[in-house]
């Protein structure tokens, strides 16, 4: 799918419709890192043409979305922008902007470097 989008964007590059795919399919995700000590939040926003959801141990699309936005904890993270201490950091993702057409890629397979 991404190869098709890439080729279509190249074909439209020098036309008046060069942003057609971005306007229709691109959404935005926000990744937030929140310090557990001082509450300092660092946010980065990225555009995506399709949303990849891990479906392992999920019974519905709603469960996959809940898993996607669930915060992960990172131990012994140094809060450089806030308190400067080693803290437990919460790392979470959310949708910052939804596209006109949302394509959901269901991640069905995991590659294991141990077993190939």
Foldseek 3Di string as FASTA:
>chain_A
DVVVVVVVLVVCVPDPCNCVLVQAQKFKKKKWKAFPPPRDIDIDMDIDRAAEFECVPHDDPVVRQVVQFDWDWDFQDQPPPPDRGRGIITIGMDTPTGGNDYHYHYPHDDDDPVVD
